[in-house]
Amino acid sequence: FLLFAVLHITGPAAAARSAVAIEGARFETAASIKDNLQA
């Protein structure tokens, strides 16, 4: 019963989270390693 209660309570909270893109994070494949590191 306790295990069911914990899973029932935390399940919806965990499902609501999702991976979101970080603004400005990118690589330029046409640029050098140096240029990418500067970004």
PDB file of all heavy atoms in Angstrom:
ATOM      1  N   PHE A   1       0.830  -1.203   0.000  1.00  0.00           N
ATOM      2  CA  PHE A   1       0.000   0.000   0.000  1.00  0.00           C
ATOM      3  C   PHE A   1       0.867   1.257   0.000  1.00  0.00           C
ATOM      4  O   PHE A   1       0.601   2.206  -0.736  1.00  0.00           O
ATOM      5  CB  PHE A   1      -0.943   0.001   1.208  1.00  0.00           C
ATOM      6  CG  PHE A   1      -1.751   1.254   1.322  1.00  0.00           C
ATOM      7  CD1 PHE A   1      -2.848   1.453   0.493  1.00  0.00           C
ATOM      8  CD2 PHE A   1      -1.404   2.243   2.220  1.00  0.00           C
ATOM      9  CE1 PHE A   1      -3.592   2.614   0.568  1.00  0.00           C
ATOM     10  CE2 PHE A   1      -2.141   3.411   2.299  1.00  0.00           C
ATOM     11  CZ  PHE A   1      -3.234   3.605   1.481  1.00  0.00           C
ATOM     12  N   LEU A   2       1.897   1.288   0.841  1.00  0.00           N
ATOM     13  CA  LEU A   2       2.795   2.445   0.895  1.00  0.00           C
ATOM     14  C   LEU A   2       3.519   2.653  -0.437  1.00  0.00           C
ATOM     15  O   LEU A   2       3.654   3.779  -0.905  1.00  0.00           O
ATOM     16  CB  LEU A   2       3.806   2.289   2.034  1.00  0.00           C
ATOM     17  CG  LEU A   2       3.236   2.425   3.448  1.00  0.00           C
ATOM     18  CD1 LEU A   2       4.308   2.114   4.475  1.00  0.00           C
ATOM     19  CD2 LEU A   2       2.662   3.810   3.654  1.00  0.00           C
ATOM     20  N   LEU A   3       3.978   1.574  -1.042  1.00  0.00           N
ATOM     21  CA  LEU A   3       4.652   1.667  -2.337  1.00  0.00           C
ATOM     22  C   LEU A   3       3.703   2.213  -3.396  1.00  0.00           C
ATOM     23  O   LEU A   3       4.063   3.087  -4.181  1.00  0.00           O
ATOM     24  CB  LEU A   3       5.193   0.300  -2.753  1.00  0.00           C
ATOM     25  CG  LEU A   3       5.957   0.251  -4.071  1.00  0.00           C
ATOM     26  CD1 LEU A   3       7.187   1.160  -4.010  1.00  0.00           C
ATOM     27  CD2 LEU A   3       6.372  -1.166  -4.393  1.00  0.00           C
ATOM     28  N   PHE A   4       2.471   1.710  -3.417  1.00  0.00           N
ATOM     29  CA  PHE A   4       1.464   2.202  -4.360  1.00  0.00           C
ATOM     30  C   PHE A   4       1.203   3.691  -4.133  1.00  0.00           C
ATOM     31  O   PHE A   4       1.112   4.471  -5.078  1.00  0.00           O
ATOM     32  CB  PHE A   4       0.164   1.410  -4.215  1.00  0.00           C
ATOM     33  CG  PHE A   4      -0.954   1.948  -5.052  1.00  0.00           C
ATOM     34  CD1 PHE A   4      -1.010   1.682  -6.404  1.00  0.00           C
ATOM     35  CD2 PHE A   4      -1.937   2.749  -4.492  1.00  0.00           C
ATOM     36  CE1 PHE A   4      -2.023   2.195  -7.194  1.00  0.00           C
ATOM     37  CE2 PHE A   4      -2.944   3.268  -5.264  1.00  0.00           C
ATOM     38  CZ  PHE A   4      -2.999   3.001  -6.614  1.00  0.00           C
ATOM     39  N   ALA A   5       1.095   4.117  -2.872  1.00  0.00           N
ATOM     40  CA  ALA A   5       0.820   5.523  -2.552  1.00  0.00           C
ATOM     41  C   ALA A   5       1.961   6.421  -3.021  1.00  0.00           C
ATOM     42  O   ALA A   5       1.732   7.477  -3.614  1.00  0.00           O
ATOM     43  CB  ALA A   5       0.589   5.684  -1.052  1.00  0.00           C
ATOM     44  N   VAL A   6       3.192   6.003  -2.776  1.00  0.00           N
ATOM     45  CA  VAL A   6       4.352   6.800  -3.210  1.00  0.00           C
ATOM     46  C   VAL A   6       4.393   6.906  -4.722  1.00  0.00           C
ATOM     47  O   VAL A   6       4.602   7.987  -5.275  1.00  0.00           O
ATOM     48  CB  VAL A   6       5.661   6.190  -2.656  1.00  0.00           C
ATOM     49  CG1 VAL A   6       6.872   6.806  -3.320  1.00  0.00           C
ATOM     50  CG2 VAL A   6       5.729   6.374  -1.148  1.00  0.00           C
ATOM     51  N   LEU A   7       4.194   5.822  -5.428  1.00  0.00           N
ATOM     52  CA  LEU A   7       4.212   5.849  -6.891  1.00  0.00           C
ATOM     53  C   LEU A   7       3.058   6.670  -7.447  1.00  0.00           C
ATOM     54  O   LEU A   7       3.204   7.373  -8.441  1.00  0.00           O
ATOM     55  CB  LEU A   7       4.178   4.429  -7.450  1.00  0.00           C
ATOM     56  CG  LEU A   7       5.437   3.610  -7.242  1.00  0.00           C
ATOM     57  CD1 LEU A   7       5.222   2.179  -7.729  1.00  0.00           C
ATOM     58  CD2 LEU A   7       6.622   4.244  -7.929  1.00  0.00           C
ATOM     59  N   HIS A   8       1.926   6.607  -6.812  1.00  0.00           N
ATOM     60  CA  HIS A   8       0.763   7.359  -7.270  1.00  0.00           C
ATOM     61  C   HIS A   8       0.965   8.864  -7.084  1.00  0.00           C
ATOM     62  O   HIS A   8       0.572   9.665  -7.928  1.00  0.00           O
ATOM     63  CB  HIS A   8      -0.487   6.891  -6.525  1.00  0.00           C
ATOM     64  CG  HIS A   8      -1.740   7.569  -6.969  1.00  0.00           C
ATOM     65  ND1 HIS A   8      -2.276   7.369  -8.223  1.00  0.00           N
ATOM     66  CD2 HIS A   8      -2.545   8.476  -6.351  1.00  0.00           C
ATOM     67  CE1 HIS A   8      -3.366   8.114  -8.354  1.00  0.00           C
ATOM     68  NE2 HIS A   8      -3.547   8.788  -7.231  1.00  0.00           N
ATOM     69  N   ILE A   9       1.601   9.250  -5.984  1.00  0.00           N
ATOM     70  CA  ILE A   9       1.814  10.671  -5.684  1.00  0.00           C
ATOM     71  C   ILE A   9       2.929  11.245  -6.550  1.00  0.00           C
ATOM     72  O   ILE A   9       2.805  12.334  -7.110  1.00  0.00           O
ATOM     73  CB  ILE A   9       2.138  10.868  -4.193  1.00  0.00           C
ATOM     74  CG1 ILE A   9       0.887  10.572  -3.361  1.00  0.00           C
ATOM     75  CG2 ILE A   9       2.635  12.275  -3.913  1.00  0.00           C
ATOM     76  CD1 ILE A   9       1.148  10.461  -1.882  1.00  0.00           C
ATOM     77  N   THR A  10       4.058  10.541  -6.676  1.00  0.00           N
ATOM     78  CA  THR A  10       5.204  11.077  -7.425  1.00  0.00           C
ATOM     79  C   THR A  10       5.092  10.856  -8.923  1.00  0.00           C
ATOM     80  O   THR A  10       5.747  11.551  -9.691  1.00  0.00           O
ATOM     81  CB  THR A  10       6.526  10.460  -6.932  1.00  0.00           C
ATOM     82  OG1 THR A  10       6.475   9.048  -7.132  1.00  0.00           O
ATOM     83  CG2 THR A  10       6.779  10.802  -5.483  1.00  0.00           C
ATOM     84  N   GLY A  11       4.274   9.918  -9.354  1.00  0.00           N
ATOM     85  CA  GLY A  11       4.146   9.626 -10.791  1.00  0.00           C
ATOM     86  C   GLY A  11       3.742  10.818 -11.633  1.00  0.00           C
ATOM     87  O   GLY A  11       4.421  11.188 -12.584  1.00  0.00           O
ATOM     88  N   PRO A  12       2.640  11.507 -11.320  1.00  0.00           N
ATOM     89  CA  PRO A  12       2.223  12.650 -12.123  1.00  0.00           C
ATOM     90  C   PRO A  12       3.236  13.793 -12.107  1.00  0.00           C
ATOM     91  O   PRO A  12       3.452  14.463 -13.110  1.00  0.00           O
ATOM     92  CB  PRO A  12       0.913  13.087 -11.471  1.00  0.00           C
ATOM     93  CG  PRO A  12       0.407  11.885 -10.777  1.00  0.00           C
ATOM     94  CD  PRO A  12       1.633  11.129 -10.341  1.00  0.00           C
ATOM     95  N   ALA A  13       3.902  14.008 -10.977  1.00  0.00           N
ATOM     96  CA  ALA A  13       4.893  15.086 -10.905  1.00  0.00           C
ATOM     97  C   ALA A  13       6.073  14.780 -11.808  1.00  0.00           C
ATOM     98  O   ALA A  13       6.604  15.651 -12.489  1.00  0.00           O
ATOM     99  CB  ALA A  13       5.357  15.271  -9.465  1.00  0.00           C
ATOM    100  N   ALA A  14       6.507  13.526 -11.825  1.00  0.00           N
ATOM    101  CA  ALA A  14       7.636  13.146 -12.667  1.00  0.00           C
ATOM    102  C   ALA A  14       7.250  13.186 -14.139  1.00  0.00           C
ATOM    103  O   ALA A  14       8.050  13.549 -14.989  1.00  0.00           O
ATOM    104  CB  ALA A  14       8.127  11.754 -12.292  1.00  0.00           C
ATOM    105  N   ALA A  15       6.000  12.824 -14.454  1.00  0.00           N
ATOM    106  CA  ALA A  15       5.549  12.817 -15.840  1.00  0.00           C
ATOM    107  C   ALA A  15       5.414  14.238 -16.383  1.00  0.00           C
ATOM    108  O   ALA A  15       5.540  14.459 -17.579  1.00  0.00           O
ATOM    109  CB  ALA A  15       4.221  12.084 -15.955  1.00  0.00           C
ATOM    110  N   ALA A  16       5.156  15.211 -15.520  1.00  0.00           N
ATOM    111  CA  ALA A  16       4.982  16.592 -15.957  1.00  0.00           C
ATOM    112  C   ALA A  16       6.301  17.217 -16.386  1.00  0.00           C
ATOM    113  O   ALA A  16       6.314  18.189 -17.121  1.00  0.00           O
ATOM    114  CB  ALA A  16       4.355  17.412 -14.839  1.00  0.00           C
ATOM    115  N   ARG A  17       7.413  16.677 -15.925  1.00  0.00           N
ATOM    116  CA  ARG A  17       8.730  17.214 -16.292  1.00  0.00           C
ATOM    117  C   ARG A  17       9.113  16.717 -17.675  1.00  0.00           C
ATOM    118  O   ARG A  17       8.798  15.598 -18.050  1.00  0.00           O
ATOM    119  CB  ARG A  17       9.781  16.772 -15.281  1.00  0.00           C
ATOM    120  CG  ARG A  17       9.557  17.382 -13.924  1.00  0.00           C
ATOM    121  CD  ARG A  17      10.581  16.904 -12.953  1.00  0.00           C
ATOM    122  NE  ARG A  17      11.910  17.025 -13.527  1.00  0.00           N
ATOM    123  CZ  ARG A  17      12.970  17.472 -12.870  1.00  0.00           C
ATOM    124  NH1 ARG A  17      12.859  17.826 -11.642  1.00  0.00           N
ATOM    125  NH2 ARG A  17      14.143  17.542 -13.448  1.00  0.00           N
ATOM    126  N   SER A  18       9.783  17.575 -18.422  1.00  0.00           N
ATOM    127  CA  SER A  18      10.244  17.166 -19.743  1.00  0.00           C
ATOM    128  C   SER A  18      11.536  17.895 -20.071  1.00  0.00           C
ATOM    129  O   SER A  18      11.873  18.899 -19.456  1.00  0.00           O
ATOM    130  CB  SER A  18       9.176  17.468 -20.797  1.00  0.00           C
ATOM    131  OG  SER A  18       8.936  18.861 -20.851  1.00  0.00           O
ATOM    132  N   ALA A  19      12.244  17.381 -21.056  1.00  0.00           N
ATOM    133  CA  ALA A  19      13.490  17.994 -21.488  1.00  0.00           C
ATOM    134  C   ALA A  19      13.174  19.212 -22.346  1.00  0.00           C
ATOM    135  O   ALA A  19      12.391  19.135 -23.288  1.00  0.00           O
ATOM    136  CB  ALA A  19      14.328  17.001 -22.270  1.00  0.00           C
ATOM    137  N   VAL A  20      13.799  20.337 -22.004  1.00  0.00           N
ATOM    138  CA  VAL A  20      13.574  21.592 -22.716  1.00  0.00           C
ATOM    139  C   VAL A  20      14.915  22.076 -23.260  1.00  0.00           C
ATOM    140  O   VAL A  20      15.938  22.017 -22.573  1.00  0.00           O
ATOM    141  CB  VAL A  20      12.979  22.648 -21.753  1.00  0.00           C
ATOM    142  CG1 VAL A  20      12.798  23.975 -22.440  1.00  0.00           C
ATOM    143  CG2 VAL A  20      11.672  22.154 -21.174  1.00  0.00           C
ATOM    144  N   ALA A  21      14.913  22.564 -24.480  1.00  0.00           N
ATOM    145  CA  ALA A  21      16.142  23.069 -25.103  1.00  0.00           C
ATOM    146  C   ALA A  21      16.661  24.289 -24.348  1.00  0.00           C
ATOM    147  O   ALA A  21      15.889  25.147 -23.917  1.00  0.00           O
ATOM    148  CB  ALA A  21      15.882  23.425 -26.561  1.00  0.00           C
ATOM    149  N   ILE A  22      17.973  24.369 -24.200  1.00  0.00           N
ATOM    150  CA  ILE A  22      18.617  25.517 -23.567  1.00  0.00           C
ATOM    151  C   ILE A  22      18.838  26.573 -24.644  1.00  0.00           C
ATOM    152  O   ILE A  22      19.438  26.290 -25.690  1.00  0.00           O
ATOM    153  CB  ILE A  22      19.948  25.118 -22.911  1.00  0.00           C
ATOM    154  CG1 ILE A  22      19.695  24.138 -21.771  1.00  0.00           C
ATOM    155  CG2 ILE A  22      20.693  26.348 -22.411  1.00  0.00           C
ATOM    156  CD1 ILE A  22      20.948  23.573 -21.145  1.00  0.00           C
ATOM    157  N   GLU A  23      18.351  27.771 -24.374  1.00  0.00           N
ATOM    158  CA  GLU A  23      18.450  28.850 -25.350  1.00  0.00           C
ATOM    159  C   GLU A  23      19.914  29.200 -25.631  1.00  0.00           C
ATOM    160  O   GLU A  23      20.721  29.353 -24.725  1.00  0.00           O
ATOM    161  CB  GLU A  23      17.730  30.093 -24.820  1.00  0.00           C
ATOM    162  CG  GLU A  23      17.621  31.202 -25.836  1.00  0.00           C
ATOM    163  CD  GLU A  23      16.822  32.378 -25.323  1.00  0.00           C
ATOM    164  OE1 GLU A  23      15.957  32.178 -24.460  1.00  0.00           O
ATOM    165  OE2 GLU A  23      17.080  33.492 -25.795  1.00  0.00           O
ATOM    166  N   GLY A  24      20.260  29.293 -26.889  1.00  0.00           N
ATOM    167  CA  GLY A  24      21.607  29.678 -27.301  1.00  0.00           C
ATOM    168  C   GLY A  24      22.607  28.537 -27.380  1.00  0.00           C
ATOM    169  O   GLY A  24      23.728  28.733 -27.834  1.00  0.00           O
ATOM    170  N   ALA A  25      22.234  27.352 -26.945  1.00  0.00           N
ATOM    171  CA  ALA A  25      23.149  26.211 -27.003  1.00  0.00           C
ATOM    172  C   ALA A  25      23.134  25.643 -28.419  1.00  0.00           C
ATOM    173  O   ALA A  25      22.116  25.182 -28.905  1.00  0.00           O
ATOM    174  CB  ALA A  25      22.736  25.146 -25.997  1.00  0.00           C
ATOM    175  N   ARG A  26      24.286  25.726 -29.075  1.00  0.00           N
ATOM    176  CA  ARG A  26      24.375  25.187 -30.439  1.00  0.00           C
ATOM    177  C   ARG A  26      25.833  24.968 -30.814  1.00  0.00           C
ATOM    178  O   ARG A  26      26.737  25.553 -30.227  1.00  0.00           O
ATOM    179  CB  ARG A  26      23.710  26.110 -31.440  1.00  0.00           C
ATOM    180  CG  ARG A  26      24.342  27.480 -31.552  1.00  0.00           C
ATOM    181  CD  ARG A  26      23.569  28.348 -32.544  1.00  0.00           C
ATOM    182  NE  ARG A  26      23.948  29.734 -32.497  1.00  0.00           N
ATOM    183  CZ  ARG A  26      25.063  30.247 -32.993  1.00  0.00           C
ATOM    184  NH1 ARG A  26      25.942  29.489 -33.576  1.00  0.00           N
ATOM    185  NH2 ARG A  26      25.316  31.530 -32.907  1.00  0.00           N
ATOM    186  N   PHE A  27      26.055  24.115 -31.783  1.00  0.00           N
ATOM    187  CA  PHE A  27      27.357  23.903 -32.396  1.00  0.00           C
ATOM    188  C   PHE A  27      27.245  24.312 -33.852  1.00  0.00           C
ATOM    189  O   PHE A  27      26.207  24.123 -34.478  1.00  0.00           O
ATOM    190  CB  PHE A  27      27.787  22.431 -32.340  1.00  0.00           C
ATOM    191  CG  PHE A  27      28.223  21.951 -30.974  1.00  0.00           C
ATOM    192  CD1 PHE A  27      27.804  20.727 -30.493  1.00  0.00           C
ATOM    193  CD2 PHE A  27      29.064  22.715 -30.184  1.00  0.00           C
ATOM    194  CE1 PHE A  27      28.208  20.267 -29.261  1.00  0.00           C
ATOM    195  CE2 PHE A  27      29.470  22.262 -28.944  1.00  0.00           C
ATOM    196  CZ  PHE A  27      29.037  21.034 -28.477  1.00  0.00           C
ATOM    197  N   GLU A  28      28.303  24.862 -34.388  1.00  0.00           N
ATOM    198  CA  GLU A  28      28.372  25.210 -35.815  1.00  0.00           C
ATOM    199  C   GLU A  28      29.316  24.228 -36.490  1.00  0.00           C
ATOM    200  O   GLU A  28      30.530  24.269 -36.257  1.00  0.00           O
ATOM    201  CB  GLU A  28      28.876  26.648 -36.001  1.00  0.00           C
ATOM    202  CG  GLU A  28      27.914  27.705 -35.541  1.00  0.00           C
ATOM    203  CD  GLU A  28      26.649  27.753 -36.390  1.00  0.00           C
ATOM    204  OE1 GLU A  28      26.698  27.408 -37.588  1.00  0.00           O
ATOM    205  OE2 GLU A  28      25.609  28.129 -35.831  1.00  0.00           O
ATOM    206  N   THR A  29      28.782  23.345 -37.316  1.00  0.00           N
ATOM    207  CA  THR A  29      29.610  22.330 -37.956  1.00  0.00           C
ATOM    208  C   THR A  29      30.533  22.910 -39.024  1.00  0.00           C
ATOM    209  O   THR A  29      31.540  22.306 -39.351  1.00  0.00           O
ATOM    210  CB  THR A  29      28.735  21.227 -38.583  1.00  0.00           C
ATOM    211  OG1 THR A  29      27.816  21.825 -39.497  1.00  0.00           O
ATOM    212  CG2 THR A  29      27.980  20.468 -37.505  1.00  0.00           C
ATOM    213  N   ALA A  30      30.207  24.075 -39.547  1.00  0.00           N
ATOM    214  CA  ALA A  30      31.062  24.709 -40.551  1.00  0.00           C
ATOM    215  C   ALA A  30      32.211  25.482 -39.904  1.00  0.00           C
ATOM    216  O   ALA A  30      33.151  25.886 -40.591  1.00  0.00           O
ATOM    217  CB  ALA A  30      30.233  25.646 -41.421  1.00  0.00           C
ATOM    218  N   ALA A  31      32.153  25.680 -38.592  1.00  0.00           N
ATOM    219  CA  ALA A  31      33.181  26.444 -37.874  1.00  0.00           C
ATOM    220  C   ALA A  31      34.218  25.505 -37.261  1.00  0.00           C
ATOM    221  O   ALA A  31      34.018  24.290 -37.187  1.00  0.00           O
ATOM    222  CB  ALA A  31      32.524  27.284 -36.790  1.00  0.00           C
ATOM    223  N   SER A  32      35.305  26.088 -36.788  1.00  0.00           N
ATOM    224  CA  SER A  32      36.379  25.315 -36.155  1.00  0.00           C
ATOM    225  C   SER A  32      36.042  25.025 -34.693  1.00  0.00           C
ATOM    226  O   SER A  32      35.092  25.586 -34.130  1.00  0.00           O
ATOM    227  CB  SER A  32      37.688  26.107 -36.223  1.00  0.00           C
ATOM    228  OG  SER A  32      37.574  27.279 -35.416  1.00  0.00           O
ATOM    229  N   ILE A  33      36.833  24.159 -34.088  1.00  0.00           N
ATOM    230  CA  ILE A  33      36.694  23.867 -32.653  1.00  0.00           C
ATOM    231  C   ILE A  33      36.863  25.174 -31.876  1.00  0.00           C
ATOM    232  O   ILE A  33      36.114  25.457 -30.944  1.00  0.00           O
ATOM    233  CB  ILE A  33      37.742  22.826 -32.192  1.00  0.00           C
ATOM    234  CG1 ILE A  33      37.468  21.457 -32.797  1.00  0.00           C
ATOM    235  CG2 ILE A  33      37.818  22.757 -30.678  1.00  0.00           C
ATOM    236  CD1 ILE A  33      36.445  20.620 -32.079  1.00  0.00           C
ATOM    237  N   LYS A  34      37.824  25.986 -32.272  1.00  0.00           N
ATOM    238  CA  LYS A  34      38.093  27.266 -31.605  1.00  0.00           C
ATOM    239  C   LYS A  34      36.847  28.142 -31.626  1.00  0.00           C
ATOM    240  O   LYS A  34      36.437  28.683 -30.591  1.00  0.00           O
ATOM    241  CB  LYS A  34      39.254  27.975 -32.295  1.00  0.00           C
ATOM    242  CG  LYS A  34      39.526  29.349 -31.752  1.00  0.00           C
ATOM    243  CD  LYS A  34      40.569  30.057 -32.600  1.00  0.00           C
ATOM    244  CE  LYS A  34      40.583  31.515 -32.235  1.00  0.00           C
ATOM    245  NZ  LYS A  34      41.122  32.361 -33.242  1.00  0.00           N
ATOM    246  N   ASP A  35      36.231  28.298 -32.785  1.00  0.00           N
ATOM    247  CA  ASP A  35      35.039  29.141 -32.905  1.00  0.00           C
ATOM    248  C   ASP A  35      33.886  28.590 -32.075  1.00  0.00           C
ATOM    249  O   ASP A  35      33.139  29.342 -31.447  1.00  0.00           O
ATOM    250  CB  ASP A  35      34.617  29.273 -34.367  1.00  0.00           C
ATOM    251  CG  ASP A  35      35.636  30.043 -35.198  1.00  0.00           C
ATOM    252  OD1 ASP A  35      36.403  30.836 -34.608  1.00  0.00           O
ATOM    253  OD2 ASP A  35      35.667  29.844 -36.427  1.00  0.00           O
ATOM    254  N   ASN A  36      33.721  27.281 -32.049  1.00  0.00           N
ATOM    255  CA  ASN A  36      32.668  26.668 -31.247  1.00  0.00           C
ATOM    256  C   ASN A  36      32.929  26.879 -29.766  1.00  0.00           C
ATOM    257  O   ASN A  36      32.000  27.162 -29.003  1.00  0.00           O
ATOM    258  CB  ASN A  36      32.540  25.183 -31.573  1.00  0.00           C
ATOM    259  CG  ASN A  36      31.680  24.937 -32.791  1.00  0.00           C
ATOM    260  OD1 ASN A  36      30.470  25.085 -32.732  1.00  0.00           O
ATOM    261  ND2 ASN A  36      32.306  24.592 -33.906  1.00  0.00           N
ATOM    262  N   LEU A  37      34.177  26.766 -29.328  1.00  0.00           N
ATOM    263  CA  LEU A  37      34.497  26.987 -27.919  1.00  0.00           C
ATOM    264  C   LEU A  37      34.260  28.440 -27.528  1.00  0.00           C
ATOM    265  O   LEU A  37      33.820  28.723 -26.411  1.00  0.00           O
ATOM    266  CB  LEU A  37      35.940  26.578 -27.626  1.00  0.00           C
ATOM    267  CG  LEU A  37      36.176  25.079 -27.487  1.00  0.00           C
ATOM    268  CD1 LEU A  37      37.666  24.770 -27.469  1.00  0.00           C
ATOM    269  CD2 LEU A  37      35.492  24.525 -26.249  1.00  0.00           C
ATOM    270  N   GLN A  38      34.530  29.372 -28.419  1.00  0.00           N
ATOM    271  CA  GLN A  38      34.280  30.786 -28.126  1.00  0.00           C
ATOM    272  C   GLN A  38      32.788  31.031 -27.880  1.00  0.00           C
ATOM    273  O   GLN A  38      32.416  31.847 -27.039  1.00  0.00           O
ATOM    274  CB  GLN A  38      34.792  31.675 -29.257  1.00  0.00           C
ATOM    275  CG  GLN A  38      36.295  31.809 -29.248  1.00  0.00           C
ATOM    276  CD  GLN A  38      36.835  32.594 -30.427  1.00  0.00           C
ATOM    277  OE1 GLN A  38      36.226  32.643 -31.490  1.00  0.00           O
ATOM    278  NE2 GLN A  38      37.994  33.189 -30.232  1.00  0.00           N
ATOM    279  N   ALA A  39      31.938  30.314 -28.586  1.00  0.00           N
ATOM    280  CA  ALA A  39      30.495  30.455 -28.392  1.00  0.00           C
ATOM    281  C   ALA A  39      30.061  29.897 -27.035  1.00  0.00           C
ATOM    282  O   ALA A  39      28.998  30.267 -26.527  1.00  0.00           O
ATOM    283  CB  ALA A  39      29.742  29.742 -29.514  1.00  0.00           C
TER     284      ALA A  39
END
